[in-house]
C-alpha atoms as a PDB file:
ATOM      1  CA  UNK A   1      -4.049 -40.734  -7.192  1.00  0.00           C
ATOM      2  CA  UNK A   2      -5.209 -37.168  -7.706  1.00  0.00           C
ATOM      3  CA  UNK A   3      -8.877 -36.526  -7.044  1.00  0.00           C
ATOM      4  CA  UNK A   4     -10.903 -34.198  -9.239  1.00  0.00           C
ATOM      5  CA  UNK A   5     -13.577 -32.337  -7.230  1.00  0.00           C
ATOM      6  CA  UNK A   6     -17.145 -33.099  -8.288  1.00  0.00           C
ATOM      7  CA  UNK A   7     -20.490 -31.775  -7.003  1.00  0.00           C
ATOM      8  CA  UNK A   8     -21.256 -35.077  -5.268  1.00  0.00           C
ATOM      9  CA  UNK A   9     -17.837 -35.423  -3.648  1.00  0.00           C
ATOM     10  CA  UNK A  10     -17.770 -35.138   0.152  1.00  0.00           C
ATOM     11  CA  UNK A  11     -16.957 -31.618   1.298  1.00  0.00           C
ATOM     12  CA  UNK A  12     -13.835 -32.819   3.108  1.00  0.00           C
ATOM     13  CA  UNK A  13     -12.383 -34.122  -0.196  1.00  0.00           C
ATOM     14  CA  UNK A  14     -12.948 -30.956  -2.206  1.00  0.00           C
ATOM     15  CA  UNK A  15     -10.257 -28.382  -2.776  1.00  0.00           C
ATOM     16  CA  UNK A  16     -11.172 -25.455  -0.572  1.00  0.00           C
ATOM     17  CA  UNK A  17      -9.388 -22.139  -1.201  1.00  0.00           C
ATOM     18  CA  UNK A  18      -6.877 -21.749   1.611  1.00  0.00           C
ATOM     19  CA  UNK A  19      -6.812 -18.524   3.570  1.00  0.00           C
ATOM     20  CA  UNK A  20      -3.127 -19.190   4.205  1.00  0.00           C
ATOM     21  CA  UNK A  21      -2.190 -19.942   0.615  1.00  0.00           C
ATOM     22  CA  UNK A  22       1.515 -19.507  -0.005  1.00  0.00           C
ATOM     23  CA  UNK A  23       2.820 -17.540  -2.988  1.00  0.00           C
ATOM     24  CA  UNK A  24      -0.439 -15.611  -3.138  1.00  0.00           C
ATOM     25  CA  UNK A  25       0.677 -11.994  -2.721  1.00  0.00           C
ATOM     26  CA  UNK A  26       2.603  -9.273  -4.533  1.00  0.00           C
ATOM     27  CA  UNK A  27       6.396  -9.307  -4.288  1.00  0.00           C
ATOM     28  CA  UNK A  28       8.303  -6.090  -5.016  1.00  0.00           C
ATOM     29  CA  UNK A  29      11.762  -4.911  -4.005  1.00  0.00           C
ATOM     30  CA  UNK A  30      11.909  -2.393  -1.180  1.00  0.00           C
ATOM     31  CA  UNK A  31      13.775   0.213  -3.223  1.00  0.00           C
ATOM     32  CA  UNK A  32      11.247  -0.004  -6.066  1.00  0.00           C
ATOM     33  CA  UNK A  33       8.361   0.211  -3.621  1.00  0.00           C
ATOM     34  CA  UNK A  34       9.819   3.301  -1.912  1.00  0.00           C
ATOM     35  CA  UNK A  35      10.471   5.137  -5.174  1.00  0.00           C
ATOM     36  CA  UNK A  36       6.955   4.495  -6.445  1.00  0.00           C
ATOM     37  CA  UNK A  37       5.261   5.202  -3.116  1.00  0.00           C
ATOM     38  CA  UNK A  38       7.053   8.487  -2.450  1.00  0.00           C
ATOM     39  CA  UNK A  39       7.075   9.930  -5.972  1.00  0.00           C
ATOM     40  CA  UNK A  40       3.394   9.214  -6.496  1.00  0.00           C
ATOM     41  CA  UNK A  41       2.538  10.874  -3.208  1.00  0.00           C
ATOM     42  CA  UNK A  42       1.449   7.491  -1.787  1.00  0.00           C
ATOM     43  CA  UNK A  43      -0.890   6.962  -4.764  1.00  0.00           C
ATOM     44  CA  UNK A  44       0.986   3.768  -5.646  1.00  0.00           C
ATOM     45  CA  UNK A  45      -0.688   2.050  -2.716  1.00  0.00           C
ATOM     46  CA  UNK A  46      -3.959   1.778  -4.674  1.00  0.00           C
ATOM     47  CA  UNK A  47      -2.217  -0.308  -7.329  1.00  0.00           C
ATOM     48  CA  UNK A  48      -0.165  -2.188  -4.721  1.00  0.00           C
ATOM     49  CA  UNK A  49      -3.296  -3.205  -2.832  1.00  0.00           C
ATOM     50  CA  UNK A  50      -5.062  -4.215  -6.040  1.00  0.00           C
ATOM     51  CA  UNK A  51      -2.127  -6.395  -7.106  1.00  0.00           C
ATOM     52  CA  UNK A  52      -1.998  -8.117  -3.722  1.00  0.00           C
ATOM     53  CA  UNK A  53      -5.686  -8.979  -3.792  1.00  0.00           C
ATOM     54  CA  UNK A  54      -5.595  -9.956  -7.474  1.00  0.00           C
ATOM     55  CA  UNK A  55      -2.677 -12.310  -6.784  1.00  0.00           C
ATOM     56  CA  UNK A  56      -4.476 -13.695  -3.752  1.00  0.00           C
ATOM     57  CA  UNK A  57      -7.652 -14.375  -5.734  1.00  0.00           C
ATOM     58  CA  UNK A  58      -5.691 -16.033  -8.558  1.00  0.00           C
ATOM     59  CA  UNK A  59      -3.887 -18.318  -6.105  1.00  0.00           C
ATOM     60  CA  UNK A  60      -6.834 -19.255  -3.904  1.00  0.00           C
ATOM     61  CA  UNK A  61      -9.906 -18.903  -6.092  1.00  0.00           C
ATOM     62  CA  UNK A  62     -11.785 -16.910  -3.456  1.00  0.00           C
ATOM     63  CA  UNK A  63     -14.684 -14.741  -4.615  1.00  0.00           C
ATOM     64  CA  UNK A  64     -13.424 -11.178  -4.061  1.00  0.00           C
ATOM     65  CA  UNK A  65     -13.191  -7.983  -6.135  1.00  0.00           C
ATOM     66  CA  UNK A  66      -9.517  -6.875  -6.242  1.00  0.00           C
ATOM     67  CA  UNK A  67     -10.342  -3.558  -7.922  1.00  0.00           C
ATOM     68  CA  UNK A  68     -12.775  -2.612  -5.171  1.00  0.00           C
ATOM     69  CA  UNK A  69     -10.266  -3.648  -2.513  1.00  0.00           C
ATOM     70  CA  UNK A  70      -7.618  -1.576  -4.260  1.00  0.00           C
ATOM     71  CA  UNK A  71      -9.758   1.550  -4.443  1.00  0.00           C
ATOM     72  CA  UNK A  72     -10.989   1.240  -0.863  1.00  0.00           C
ATOM     73  CA  UNK A  73      -7.745  -0.224   0.445  1.00  0.00           C
ATOM     74  CA  UNK A  74      -7.857   1.323   3.973  1.00  0.00           C
ATOM     75  CA  UNK A  75     -10.933  -0.789   4.759  1.00  0.00           C
ATOM     76  CA  UNK A  76      -9.117  -3.992   3.792  1.00  0.00           C
ATOM     77  CA  UNK A  77      -5.587  -3.359   5.055  1.00  0.00           C
ATOM     78  CA  UNK A  78      -6.085  -5.297   8.292  1.00  0.00           C
ATOM     79  CA  UNK A  79      -7.506  -8.258   6.377  1.00  0.00           C
ATOM     80  CA  UNK A  80      -4.553  -8.203   3.974  1.00  0.00           C
ATOM     81  CA  UNK A  81      -2.022  -8.082   6.791  1.00  0.00           C
ATOM     82  CA  UNK A  82      -3.829 -10.938   8.538  1.00  0.00           C
ATOM     83  CA  UNK A  83      -3.418 -13.073   5.414  1.00  0.00           C
ATOM     84  CA  UNK A  84       0.300 -12.256   5.318  1.00  0.00           C
ATOM     85  CA  UNK A  85       0.722 -13.237   8.962  1.00  0.00           C
ATOM     86  CA  UNK A  86      -1.284 -16.442   8.497  1.00  0.00           C
ATOM     87  CA  UNK A  87       0.947 -17.368   5.570  1.00  0.00           C
ATOM     88  CA  UNK A  88       4.116 -16.709   7.571  1.00  0.00           C
ATOM     89  CA  UNK A  89       2.886 -18.832  10.461  1.00  0.00           C
ATOM     90  CA  UNK A  90       1.854 -21.673   8.154  1.00  0.00           C
ATOM     91  CA  UNK A  91       5.248 -21.562   6.439  1.00  0.00           C
ATOM     92  CA  UNK A  92       7.016 -21.484   9.810  1.00  0.00           C
ATOM     93  CA  UNK A  93       8.767 -18.183   9.111  1.00  0.00           C
ATOM     94  CA  UNK A  94       9.417 -15.732  11.910  1.00  0.00           C
ATOM     95  CA  UNK A  95       8.924 -12.022  11.244  1.00  0.00           C
ATOM     96  CA  UNK A  96       8.387  -9.433  13.972  1.00  0.00           C
ATOM     97  CA  UNK A  97       6.327  -6.911  12.016  1.00  0.00           C
ATOM     98  CA  UNK A  98       3.252  -6.494  14.282  1.00  0.00           C
ATOM     99  CA  UNK A  99       0.604  -6.614  11.522  1.00  0.00           C
ATOM    100  CA  UNK A 100      -2.405  -5.519  13.588  1.00  0.00           C
ATOM    101  CA  UNK A 101      -0.676  -2.502  15.147  1.00  0.00           C
ATOM    102  CA  UNK A 102       0.865  -1.617  11.775  1.00  0.00           C
ATOM    103  CA  UNK A 103      -2.514  -1.751  10.057  1.00  0.00           C
ATOM    104  CA  UNK A 104      -4.160   0.406  12.712  1.00  0.00           C
ATOM    105  CA  UNK A 105      -1.385   2.998  12.469  1.00  0.00           C
ATOM    106  CA  UNK A 106      -1.807   3.136   8.700  1.00  0.00           C
ATOM    107  CA  UNK A 107      -5.540   3.686   9.128  1.00  0.00           C
ATOM    108  CA  UNK A 108      -4.776   6.479  11.606  1.00  0.00           C
ATOM    109  CA  UNK A 109      -2.492   8.166   9.052  1.00  0.00           C
ATOM    110  CA  UNK A 110      -5.273   8.015   6.481  1.00  0.00           C
ATOM    111  CA  UNK A 111      -7.711   9.590   8.932  1.00  0.00           C
ATOM    112  CA  UNK A 112      -5.271  12.390   9.772  1.00  0.00           C
ATOM    113  CA  UNK A 113      -4.683  13.038   6.079  1.00  0.00           C
ATOM    114  CA  UNK A 114      -8.429  13.301   5.419  1.00  0.00           C
ATOM    115  CA  UNK A 115      -8.906  15.717   8.318  1.00  0.00           C
ATOM    116  CA  UNK A 116      -6.014  18.034   7.440  1.00  0.00           C
ATOM    117  CA  UNK A 117      -7.597  20.134   4.699  1.00  0.00           C
ATOM    118  CA  UNK A 118     -10.896  21.009   6.438  1.00  0.00           C
ATOM    119  CA  UNK A 119      -9.070  22.347   9.503  1.00  0.00           C
ATOM    120  CA  UNK A 120      -6.408  24.408   7.724  1.00  0.00           C
ATOM    121  CA  UNK A 121      -7.765  26.769   5.127  1.00  0.00           C
ATOM    122  CA  UNK A 122      -5.625  28.602   2.542  1.00  0.00           C
ATOM    123  CA  UNK A 123      -3.611  30.623   2.160  1.00  0.00           C
ATOM    124  CA  UNK A 124      -1.973  30.374   5.585  1.00  0.00           C
ATOM    125  CA  UNK A 125      -2.628  26.656   5.937  1.00  0.00           C
ATOM    126  CA  UNK A 126      -1.522  25.622   2.450  1.00  0.00           C
ATOM    127  CA  UNK A 127       2.163  25.196   3.224  1.00  0.00           C
ATOM    128  CA  UNK A 128       1.418  23.533   6.565  1.00  0.00           C
ATOM    129  CA  UNK A 129      -0.856  20.982   4.890  1.00  0.00           C
ATOM    130  CA  UNK A 130       1.821  20.250   2.277  1.00  0.00           C
ATOM    131  CA  UNK A 131       4.500  19.727   4.938  1.00  0.00           C
ATOM    132  CA  UNK A 132       2.128  17.596   7.006  1.00  0.00           C
ATOM    133  CA  UNK A 133       1.353  15.483   3.929  1.00  0.00           C
ATOM    134  CA  UNK A 134       5.072  14.926   3.361  1.00  0.00           C
ATOM    135  CA  UNK A 135       5.465  13.815   6.982  1.00  0.00           C
ATOM    136  CA  UNK A 136       2.525  11.437   6.586  1.00  0.00           C
ATOM    137  CA  UNK A 137       4.012  10.027   3.381  1.00  0.00           C
ATOM    138  CA  UNK A 138       7.327   9.456   5.171  1.00  0.00           C
ATOM    139  CA  UNK A 139       5.557   7.702   8.047  1.00  0.00           C
ATOM    140  CA  UNK A 140       3.471   5.649   5.638  1.00  0.00           C
ATOM    141  CA  UNK A 141       6.609   4.626   3.766  1.00  0.00           C
ATOM    142  CA  UNK A 142       8.099   3.162   6.914  1.00  0.00           C
ATOM    143  CA  UNK A 143       4.920   1.292   7.805  1.00  0.00           C
ATOM    144  CA  UNK A 144       4.373  -0.171   4.354  1.00  0.00           C
ATOM    145  CA  UNK A 145       8.023  -1.114   3.905  1.00  0.00           C
ATOM    146  CA  UNK A 146       7.735  -3.349   6.967  1.00  0.00           C
ATOM    147  CA  UNK A 147       4.667  -5.004   5.442  1.00  0.00           C
ATOM    148  CA  UNK A 148       6.402  -5.490   2.100  1.00  0.00           C
ATOM    149  CA  UNK A 149       9.382  -7.107   3.826  1.00  0.00           C
ATOM    150  CA  UNK A 150       6.973  -9.588   5.421  1.00  0.00           C
ATOM    151  CA  UNK A 151       5.339 -10.358   2.052  1.00  0.00           C
ATOM    152  CA  UNK A 152       8.722 -10.847   0.395  1.00  0.00           C
ATOM    153  CA  UNK A 153       9.848 -13.135   3.205  1.00  0.00           C
ATOM    154  CA  UNK A 154       6.695 -15.210   2.793  1.00  0.00           C
ATOM    155  CA  UNK A 155       7.649 -15.806  -0.847  1.00  0.00           C
ATOM    156  CA  UNK A 156      11.287 -16.753  -0.123  1.00  0.00           C
ATOM    157  CA  UNK A 157      12.412 -13.542  -1.817  1.00  0.00           C
ATOM    158  CA  UNK A 158      13.440 -11.189   1.032  1.00  0.00           C
ATOM    159  CA  UNK A 159      15.049  -8.683  -1.339  1.00  0.00           C
ATOM    160  CA  UNK A 160      12.199  -8.772  -3.860  1.00  0.00           C
ATOM    161  CA  UNK A 161      14.639  -9.515  -6.684  1.00  0.00           C
ATOM    162  CA  UNK A 162      11.891 -11.098  -8.783  1.00  0.00           C
ATOM    163  CA  UNK A 163      10.290  -7.648  -9.142  1.00  0.00           C
ATOM    164  CA  UNK A 164      13.046  -5.094  -8.727  1.00  0.00           C
ATOM    165  CA  UNK A 165      13.321  -3.557 -12.202  1.00  0.00           C
ATOM    166  CA  UNK A 166      11.449  -0.336 -12.918  1.00  0.00           C
ATOM    167  CA  UNK A 167       9.276  -0.629 -16.011  1.00  0.00           C
ATOM    168  CA  UNK A 168       8.532   2.164 -18.475  1.00  0.00           C
ATOM    169  CA  UNK A 169       5.113   2.517 -16.881  1.00  0.00           C
ATOM    170  CA  UNK A 170       6.718   2.812 -13.447  1.00  0.00           C
ATOM    171  CA  UNK A 171       9.031   5.559 -14.681  1.00  0.00           C
ATOM    172  CA  UNK A 172       6.159   7.460 -16.300  1.00  0.00           C
ATOM    173  CA  UNK A 173       4.146   7.421 -13.071  1.00  0.00           C
ATOM    174  CA  UNK A 174       7.209   8.454 -11.057  1.00  0.00           C
ATOM    175  CA  UNK A 175       7.892  11.424 -13.337  1.00  0.00           C
ATOM    176  CA  UNK A 176       4.249  12.521 -13.351  1.00  0.00           C
ATOM    177  CA  UNK A 177       3.992  12.113  -9.599  1.00  0.00           C
ATOM    178  CA  UNK A 178       7.246  13.963  -8.993  1.00  0.00           C
ATOM    179  CA  UNK A 179       6.122  16.854 -11.171  1.00  0.00           C
ATOM    180  CA  UNK A 180       2.818  16.983  -9.321  1.00  0.00           C
ATOM    181  CA  UNK A 181       4.539  17.123  -5.933  1.00  0.00           C
ATOM    182  CA  UNK A 182       6.888  19.836  -7.214  1.00  0.00           C
ATOM    183  CA  UNK A 183       3.970  21.880  -8.560  1.00  0.00           C
ATOM    184  CA  UNK A 184       2.044  21.537  -5.280  1.00  0.00           C
ATOM    185  CA  UNK A 185       5.123  22.624  -3.314  1.00  0.00           C
ATOM    186  CA  UNK A 186       5.610  25.698  -5.525  1.00  0.00           C
ATOM    187  CA  UNK A 187       1.942  26.642  -5.204  1.00  0.00           C
ATOM    188  CA  UNK A 188       2.090  26.273  -1.421  1.00  0.00           C
ATOM    189  CA  UNK A 189       5.200  28.442  -1.126  1.00  0.00           C
ATOM    190  CA  UNK A 190       3.944  31.122  -3.529  1.00  0.00           C
ATOM    191  CA  UNK A 191       0.567  31.210  -1.782  1.00  0.00           C
ATOM    192  CA  UNK A 192       2.236  31.734   1.565  1.00  0.00           C
ATOM    193  CA  UNK A 193       4.524  34.475   0.163  1.00  0.00           C
ATOM    194  CA  UNK A 194       1.593  36.297  -1.399  1.00  0.00           C
ATOM    195  CA  UNK A 195      -0.388  36.053   1.817  1.00  0.00           C
ATOM    196  CA  UNK A 196       2.557  37.461   3.756  1.00  0.00           C
ATOM    197  CA  UNK A 197       2.996  40.327   1.289  1.00  0.00           C
ATOM    198  CA  UNK A 198      -0.699  41.228   1.423  1.00  0.00           C
ATOM    199  CA  UNK A 199      -0.592  41.186   5.203  1.00  0.00           C
ATOM    200  CA  UNK A 200       2.188  43.771   5.175  1.00  0.00           C
ATOM    201  CA  UNK A 201       0.479  46.138   2.749  1.00  0.00           C
END
């Protein structure tokens, strides 16, 4: 017989949102994730984090603000990874993805990215900052791909086939992001060339 929770029901009989709730996170194929992450200059991670926390709240009923956790995702990345690992352990699935170390490395990349611009002023530092950002995006891709593999495994969908098709919205963001990266690269190169020319005159 299924019990319906009531205010006077003993706490042990009530349905308490589980911190290890299965099927509570955002599945996406690795190829789709990489395309969106790279071509948006890592901006996709704001939406990715929001969707994970929104899915988690919908599945568990916990009182959190997914939008806030999406916007300020670096402050919640360790908590998110902990929930993934808890889910894997509860489901009895083995995945060597080192969530704590991975989360700390991601936070370090964010810190480096924030500190780049103040220490390298244009025009000489413009191209260096752009190249450094590309390296950070590449490193971030590798770190987040490992996390996404763990999330997909938790949901019995290792390849992320349930969310592998690029939508029109995805394509629009990829095009806009790609154009932005191209424009920034051109500006960085032209700025450096102009600075070099002025130095010789």
